[in-house]
Amino acid sequence: MLPILGEAALRGVLLAVLVQGALWLLRVQQARVLLATWTIVLAASVAMPVLPQFIPVQLPFDPAFPKPLVDAAAHLMPQPPPQALPDGGGPAAVPVQSSAWPWWDAAYAVVCCTMLCRLLIGLGLSFRLLARAVPVRPDWAGRRVRISRDVGGPVTIGRTILLPADAWPGPPQHARLS
């Protein structure tokens, strides 16, 4: 799991660097274009771990290239002494420890679930604030500007602006704050 995430992170960084370079070279300054571009980059970066399963990519360089580097690094690593077999025979095979960290995967899953729960709780509280807020003036701003006693400053939730109760002169026209 860790190599897949590492490769996806590297691809995401490379994608972001390439897009930033292209935007800089093209001198793009429109906010909508920049927002759309970075939204697509973000979506592609999030999908990066799954994309190779659906779109196989063959890299143009030789896969045997890093082999000498790997062999050289293996010779530099300290090797455990060979152990003799109980019957007096030659050296026994040394058990290789797995490089996978099962606790790492579990910790990653716990952190992801915790962050997802935090996001869902925040969304629920935001929509509750929105439901309890009162429209300012329906004929002027529709339902997109509301007043709430539960906020200390202006807040946006989706396309709606919540204002604190003391930010608007007088009560709203058609409703009372609860």
Protein backbone atom coordinates (compact mmCIF):
# COMPACT_ATOMS: atom_id res chain seq x y z
CA MET A 1 0.00 0.00 0.00
CA LEU A 2 2.79 2.42 0.90
CA PRO A 3 4.60 2.11 -2.47
CA ILE A 4 1.33 2.77 -4.32
CA LEU A 5 0.66 5.90 -2.25
CA GLY A 6 4.26 7.08 -2.64
CA GLU A 7 4.12 6.66 -6.40
CA ALA A 8 0.74 8.42 -6.53
CA ALA A 9 2.08 11.31 -4.44
CA LEU A 10 5.09 11.65 -6.72
CA ARG A 11 2.87 11.65 -9.80
CA GLY A 12 0.58 14.23 -8.19
CA VAL A 13 3.52 16.53 -7.43
CA LEU A 14 4.86 16.14 -10.97
CA LEU A 15 1.41 16.92 -12.39
CA ALA A 16 1.12 20.03 -10.21
CA VAL A 17 4.59 21.24 -11.22
CA LEU A 18 3.82 20.71 -14.92
CA VAL A 19 0.47 22.49 -14.67
CA GLN A 20 1.98 25.40 -12.73
CA GLY A 21 4.71 25.71 -15.36
CA ALA A 22 2.15 25.70 -18.17
CA LEU A 23 0.00 28.30 -16.42
CA TRP A 24 3.05 30.47 -15.85
CA LEU A 25 4.24 30.16 -19.45
CA LEU A 26 0.78 30.91 -20.82
CA ARG A 27 0.38 33.78 -18.33
CA VAL A 28 -3.11 32.70 -17.34
CA GLN A 29 -4.65 35.13 -14.85
CA GLN A 30 -8.41 34.60 -15.12
CA ALA A 31 -9.67 33.34 -11.78
CA ARG A 32 -12.20 30.95 -13.34
CA VAL A 33 -9.58 29.28 -15.51
CA LEU A 34 -7.17 28.96 -12.59
CA LEU A 35 -9.88 27.55 -10.31
CA ALA A 36 -11.04 25.05 -12.93
CA THR A 37 -7.46 24.00 -13.69
CA TRP A 38 -6.49 23.42 -10.07
CA THR A 39 -9.79 21.64 -9.38
CA ILE A 40 -8.97 19.21 -12.18
CA VAL A 41 -5.41 18.79 -10.86
CA LEU A 42 -6.76 18.10 -7.37
CA ALA A 43 -9.26 15.53 -8.68
CA ALA A 44 -6.55 13.85 -10.75
CA SER A 45 -4.18 13.78 -7.77
CA VAL A 46 -6.82 12.19 -5.55
CA ALA A 47 -7.57 9.61 -8.26
CA MET A 48 -3.87 8.91 -8.86
CA PRO A 49 -3.69 5.68 -6.78
CA VAL A 50 -6.58 4.16 -8.77
CA LEU A 51 -5.77 5.45 -12.26
CA PRO A 52 -3.03 2.88 -13.11
CA GLN A 53 -5.55 0.06 -12.64
CA PHE A 54 -7.81 1.51 -15.34
CA ILE A 55 -5.26 3.28 -17.55
CA PRO A 56 -2.01 1.30 -17.74
CA VAL A 57 0.94 3.57 -18.42
CA GLN A 58 4.22 2.31 -19.83
CA LEU A 59 7.11 4.56 -18.93
CA PRO A 60 9.54 5.18 -21.82
CA PHE A 61 12.73 4.24 -19.98
CA ASP A 62 14.32 0.84 -19.47
CA PRO A 63 13.11 -0.93 -16.31
CA ALA A 64 16.57 -2.50 -15.85
CA PHE A 65 18.12 0.95 -15.33
CA PRO A 66 18.00 1.09 -11.52
CA LYS A 67 19.09 -2.59 -11.11
CA PRO A 68 22.83 -1.77 -10.72
CA LEU A 69 21.94 0.80 -8.08
CA VAL A 70 19.85 -1.74 -6.21
CA ASP A 71 22.63 -4.36 -6.42
CA ALA A 72 25.20 -1.83 -5.18
CA ALA A 73 22.99 -0.87 -2.26
CA ALA A 74 22.43 -4.54 -1.37
CA HIS A 75 26.20 -5.08 -1.07
CA LEU A 76 26.50 -2.09 1.26
CA MET A 77 23.82 -3.40 3.62
CA PRO A 78 25.10 -5.54 6.50
CA GLN A 79 24.22 -9.19 5.95
CA PRO A 80 23.31 -11.43 8.92
CA PRO A 81 25.71 -14.32 9.50
CA PRO A 82 24.55 -17.64 8.00
CA GLN A 83 23.11 -20.07 10.52
CA ALA A 84 24.00 -23.74 10.42
CA LEU A 85 21.31 -26.37 10.07
CA PRO A 86 20.59 -28.48 13.18
CA ASP A 87 21.87 -31.66 11.45
CA GLY A 88 25.27 -30.09 10.82
CA GLY A 89 24.63 -29.35 7.16
CA GLY A 90 25.31 -26.12 5.31
CA PRO A 91 23.96 -22.72 6.18
CA ALA A 92 20.21 -22.40 6.52
CA ALA A 93 18.18 -19.78 4.76
CA VAL A 94 17.72 -16.71 6.91
CA PRO A 95 14.04 -15.81 7.18
CA VAL A 96 13.35 -12.53 5.45
CA GLN A 97 11.23 -10.10 7.39
CA SER A 98 8.33 -8.64 5.49
CA SER A 99 8.79 -5.01 4.54
CA ALA A 100 5.04 -4.45 4.75
CA TRP A 101 3.93 -2.75 7.91
CA PRO A 102 0.45 -4.02 8.78
CA TRP A 103 0.22 -1.55 11.65
CA TRP A 104 1.01 1.28 9.21
CA ASP A 105 -1.96 0.31 7.04
CA ALA A 106 -4.21 0.13 10.11
CA ALA A 107 -2.98 3.52 11.35
CA TYR A 108 -3.57 5.03 7.92
CA ALA A 109 -7.12 3.64 7.84
CA VAL A 110 -7.83 4.99 11.35
CA VAL A 111 -6.58 8.47 10.42
CA CYS A 112 -8.62 8.45 7.18
CA CYS A 113 -11.77 7.37 9.02
CA THR A 114 -11.19 10.01 11.70
CA MET A 115 -10.79 12.77 9.12
CA LEU A 116 -13.85 11.57 7.21
CA CYS A 117 -15.94 11.57 10.43
CA ARG A 118 -14.68 15.08 11.23
CA LEU A 119 -15.71 16.26 7.77
CA LEU A 120 -19.17 14.69 8.04
CA ILE A 121 -19.75 16.19 11.50
CA GLY A 122 -18.68 19.62 10.21
CA LEU A 123 -21.05 19.34 7.25
CA GLY A 124 -23.90 18.34 9.53
CA LEU A 125 -23.28 21.25 11.88
CA SER A 126 -23.01 23.65 8.94
CA PHE A 127 -26.34 22.56 7.50
CA ARG A 128 -27.93 22.80 10.93
CA LEU A 129 -26.69 26.41 11.19
CA LEU A 130 -28.10 27.08 7.74
CA ALA A 131 -31.49 25.58 8.61
CA ARG A 132 -31.79 27.68 11.79
CA ALA A 133 -30.83 30.95 10.07
CA VAL A 134 -33.46 33.44 8.89
CA PRO A 135 -33.52 35.13 5.44
CA VAL A 136 -32.70 38.84 5.56
CA ARG A 137 -35.18 40.13 2.98
CA PRO A 138 -36.68 37.62 0.55
CA ASP A 139 -37.39 40.26 -2.11
CA TRP A 140 -33.81 41.56 -2.01
CA ALA A 141 -31.46 38.61 -1.64
CA GLY A 142 -33.71 35.58 -1.79
CA ARG A 143 -32.51 32.87 0.52
CA ARG A 144 -28.82 33.50 -0.10
CA VAL A 145 -28.25 36.03 2.70
CA ARG A 146 -29.38 34.95 6.16
CA ILE A 147 -29.02 36.07 9.75
CA SER A 148 -28.00 33.75 12.56
CA ARG A 149 -27.37 34.28 16.27
CA ASP A 150 -24.98 31.31 16.28
CA VAL A 151 -22.20 32.93 14.24
CA GLY A 152 -19.77 35.61 15.38
CA GLY A 153 -18.84 36.88 11.92
CA PRO A 154 -19.85 36.44 8.29
CA VAL A 155 -19.77 32.79 7.19
CA THR A 156 -20.45 31.18 3.84
CA ILE A 157 -22.03 27.75 3.58
CA GLY A 158 -22.35 26.69 -0.02
CA ARG A 159 -23.82 29.69 -1.83
CA THR A 160 -25.43 31.18 1.28
CA ILE A 161 -23.95 33.95 3.40
CA LEU A 162 -24.68 33.86 7.13
CA LEU A 163 -24.42 37.17 8.95
CA PRO A 164 -24.36 37.62 12.72
CA ALA A 165 -27.55 39.03 14.25
CA ASP A 166 -25.91 42.38 15.12
CA ALA A 167 -24.56 42.86 11.56
CA TRP A 168 -27.93 43.78 10.04
CA PRO A 169 -29.88 46.86 11.17
CA GLY A 170 -33.21 45.73 12.55
CA PRO A 171 -34.80 42.30 12.36
CA PRO A 172 -35.48 40.59 9.06
CA GLN A 173 -38.75 41.57 7.37
CA HIS A 174 -40.68 38.30 7.31
CA ALA A 175 -39.18 36.26 10.11
CA ARG A 176 -38.03 36.34 13.71
CA LEU A 177 -34.78 34.98 15.02
CA SER A 178 -35.23 32.05 17.34
